C-alpha atoms as a PDB file:
ATOM      1  CA  MET A   1      86.777 133.246 104.608  1.00  0.00           C
ATOM      2  CA  LYS A   2      84.259 131.074 106.395  1.00  0.00           C
ATOM      3  CA  PHE A   3      85.351 127.587 107.673  1.00  0.00           C
ATOM      4  CA  SER A   4      82.618 125.929 105.488  1.00  0.00           C
ATOM      5  CA  ASN A   5      84.102 127.492 102.436  1.00  0.00           C
ATOM      6  CA  LEU A   6      87.489 126.376 103.495  1.00  0.00           C
ATOM      7  CA  LYS A   7      86.256 122.815 103.942  1.00  0.00           C
ATOM      8  CA  GLU A   8      84.895 122.979 100.341  1.00  0.00           C
ATOM      9  CA  CYS A   9      88.219 124.265  99.046  1.00  0.00           C
ATOM     10  CA  ILE A  10      90.041 121.368 100.705  1.00  0.00           C
ATOM     11  CA  THR A  11      87.693 118.836  99.242  1.00  0.00           C
ATOM     12  CA  ALA A  12      88.017 120.366  95.730  1.00  0.00           C
ATOM     13  CA  LEU A  13      91.772 120.460  96.137  1.00  0.00           C
ATOM     14  CA  LEU A  14      92.031 116.870  97.210  1.00  0.00           C
ATOM     15  CA  ASN A  15      89.759 115.743  94.440  1.00  0.00           C
ATOM     16  CA  TYR A  16      91.765 117.690  91.875  1.00  0.00           C
ATOM     17  CA  LEU A  17      95.157 116.488  93.008  1.00  0.00           C
ATOM     18  CA  GLY A  18      94.379 113.012  93.669  1.00  0.00           C
ATOM     19  CA  TYR A  19      91.804 112.457  90.890  1.00  0.00           C
ATOM     20  CA  LYS A  20      93.898 109.918  88.898  1.00  0.00           C
ATOM     21  CA  VAL A  21      95.497 108.349  91.941  1.00  0.00           C
ATOM     22  CA  PRO A  22      94.420 104.639  92.459  1.00  0.00           C
ATOM     23  CA  ASP A  23      92.841 103.901  95.942  1.00  0.00           C
ATOM     24  CA  ARG A  24      95.774 101.467  96.775  1.00  0.00           C
ATOM     25  CA  ASP A  25      98.490 104.085  96.293  1.00  0.00           C
ATOM     26  CA  LEU A  26      99.790 106.288  99.159  1.00  0.00           C
ATOM     27  CA  VAL A  27      99.332 110.142  99.328  1.00  0.00           C
ATOM     28  CA  GLY A  28     100.378 112.753 101.608  1.00  0.00           C
ATOM     29  CA  LEU A  29     100.331 116.607 101.649  1.00  0.00           C
ATOM     30  CA  ARG A  30     102.952 119.270 102.298  1.00  0.00           C
ATOM     31  CA  ILE A  31     101.518 122.738 102.924  1.00  0.00           C
ATOM     32  CA  ARG A  32     103.677 125.786 103.208  1.00  0.00           C
ATOM     33  CA  ASN A  33     102.818 129.477 103.780  1.00  0.00           C
ATOM     34  CA  THR A  34     105.079 131.254 101.346  1.00  0.00           C
ATOM     35  CA  GLU A  35     104.493 134.765 102.753  1.00  0.00           C
ATOM     36  CA  ASN A  36     104.691 134.614 106.522  1.00  0.00           C
ATOM     37  CA  VAL A  37     106.281 131.354 107.487  1.00  0.00           C
ATOM     38  CA  PRO A  38     108.246 130.114 104.467  1.00  0.00           C
ATOM     39  CA  ASP A  39     110.616 127.929 106.490  1.00  0.00           C
ATOM     40  CA  LYS A  40     107.933 125.864 108.192  1.00  0.00           C
ATOM     41  CA  LEU A  41     105.967 122.975 106.536  1.00  0.00           C
ATOM     42  CA  VAL A  42     102.816 121.381 107.534  1.00  0.00           C
ATOM     43  CA  GLY A  43     102.834 117.765 106.668  1.00  0.00           C
ATOM     44  CA  ILE A  44     100.076 115.189 106.457  1.00  0.00           C
ATOM     45  CA  SER A  45     101.502 111.819 106.570  1.00  0.00           C
ATOM     46  CA  LEU A  46     101.144 109.154 103.839  1.00  0.00           C
ATOM     47  CA  ARG A  47      98.092 107.106 103.749  1.00  0.00           C
ATOM     48  CA  ARG A  48      96.128 105.063 101.254  1.00  0.00           C
ATOM     49  CA  ARG A  49      94.288 107.287  98.852  1.00  0.00           C
ATOM     50  CA  ASN A  50      90.913 105.892  99.830  1.00  0.00           C
ATOM     51  CA  GLN A  51      91.764 106.822 103.466  1.00  0.00           C
ATOM     52  CA  PHE A  52      92.887 110.309 102.718  1.00  0.00           C
ATOM     53  CA  LYS A  53      89.847 112.398 103.417  1.00  0.00           C
ATOM     54  CA  PRO A  54      89.288 116.184 103.644  1.00  0.00           C
ATOM     55  CA  ASP A  55      88.580 115.741 107.325  1.00  0.00           C
ATOM     56  CA  VAL A  56      92.100 114.431 107.915  1.00  0.00           C
ATOM     57  CA  VAL A  57      93.535 117.559 106.271  1.00  0.00           C
ATOM     58  CA  TRP A  58      91.088 119.815 108.207  1.00  0.00           C
ATOM     59  CA  ASP A  59      92.110 118.305 111.635  1.00  0.00           C
ATOM     60  CA  VAL A  60      95.762 118.929 110.991  1.00  0.00           C
ATOM     61  CA  LEU A  61      95.094 122.470 109.738  1.00  0.00           C
ATOM     62  CA  VAL A  62      92.937 123.291 112.816  1.00  0.00           C
ATOM     63  CA  LYS A  63      95.839 122.305 115.162  1.00  0.00           C
ATOM     64  CA  VAL A  64      98.160 124.469 113.258  1.00  0.00           C
ATOM     65  CA  PHE A  65      95.871 127.533 113.276  1.00  0.00           C
ATOM     66  CA  GLN A  66      95.416 127.117 117.055  1.00  0.00           C
ATOM     67  CA  SER A  67      99.216 126.846 117.621  1.00  0.00           C
ATOM     68  CA  ASN A  68     100.482 129.337 115.094  1.00  0.00           C
ATOM     69  CA  ALA A  69      98.564 132.563 114.618  1.00  0.00           C
ATOM     70  CA  VAL A  70     101.010 133.714 111.858  1.00  0.00           C
ATOM     71  CA  PHE A  71     100.051 130.777 109.670  1.00  0.00           C
ATOM     72  CA  GLY A  72      96.986 132.241 107.978  1.00  0.00           C
ATOM     73  CA  LEU A  73      94.909 131.124 105.092  1.00  0.00           C
ATOM     74  CA  SER A  74      94.593 134.478 103.624  1.00  0.00           C
ATOM     75  CA  ASP A  75      98.214 134.312 102.626  1.00  0.00           C
ATOM     76  CA  ARG A  76      99.676 132.359  99.629  1.00  0.00           C
ATOM     77  CA  LEU A  77      99.780 128.746 100.312  1.00  0.00           C
ATOM     78  CA  GLU A  78     101.922 126.175  98.394  1.00  0.00           C
ATOM     79  CA  VAL A  79     100.527 122.735  98.370  1.00  0.00           C
ATOM     80  CA  HIS A  80     102.366 119.609  97.283  1.00  0.00           C
ATOM     81  CA  LEU A  81     100.901 116.143  96.894  1.00  0.00           C
ATOM     82  CA  ASP A  82     103.276 113.255  97.634  1.00  0.00           C
ATOM     83  CA  HIS A  83     102.374 110.156  95.705  1.00  0.00           C
ATOM     84  CA  VAL A  84     103.904 106.713  96.371  1.00  0.00           C
ATOM     85  CA  MET A  85     102.696 104.137  93.679  1.00  0.00           C
ATOM     86  CA  MET A  86     102.116 100.675  95.285  1.00  0.00           C
ATOM     87  CA  LEU A  87     102.820  97.632  93.110  1.00  0.00           C
ATOM     88  CA  ALA A  88      99.804  95.658  91.967  1.00  0.00           C
ATOM     89  CA  GLY A  89      99.788  91.850  92.013  1.00  0.00           C
ATOM     90  CA  ASN A  90     101.087  89.120  94.315  1.00  0.00           C
ATOM     91  CA  GLY A  91     104.756  89.392  93.750  1.00  0.00           C
ATOM     92  CA  ARG A  92     105.179  86.071  91.862  1.00  0.00           C
ATOM     93  CA  MET A  93     107.278  85.787  88.820  1.00  0.00           C
ATOM     94  CA  THR A  94     105.496  84.820  85.629  1.00  0.00           C
ATOM     95  CA  VAL A  95     106.456  81.365  84.254  1.00  0.00           C
ATOM     96  CA  LYS A  96     106.442  81.372  80.491  1.00  0.00           C
ATOM     97  CA  THR A  97     106.027  77.899  78.746  1.00  0.00           C
ATOM     98  CA  LYS A  98     107.190  77.159  75.439  1.00  0.00           C
ATOM     99  CA  VAL A  99     104.709  75.354  73.225  1.00  0.00           C
ATOM    100  CA  GLY A 100     105.844  73.229  70.268  1.00  0.00           C
END
């Protein structure tokens, strides 16, 4: 697999997984090679959805490939998207008034 194809796959995967996630919410990824390295997990830390770009994932994966030759992309990978919903609003209580 060419690296340009891999970048396209990462972009498509992030678009698919985070497609309904609002920009203010936090997202992270956990990637595990289920065939060769099932006990090791590659984690990409939580950050706002609008800051979670394919280049962020790519930079982490490149470091993993350089340090761990067994972690191959031709194997089966399991990908989990972690999603933390952030509250919207300013945190004030609503004051209800009674009319009449």
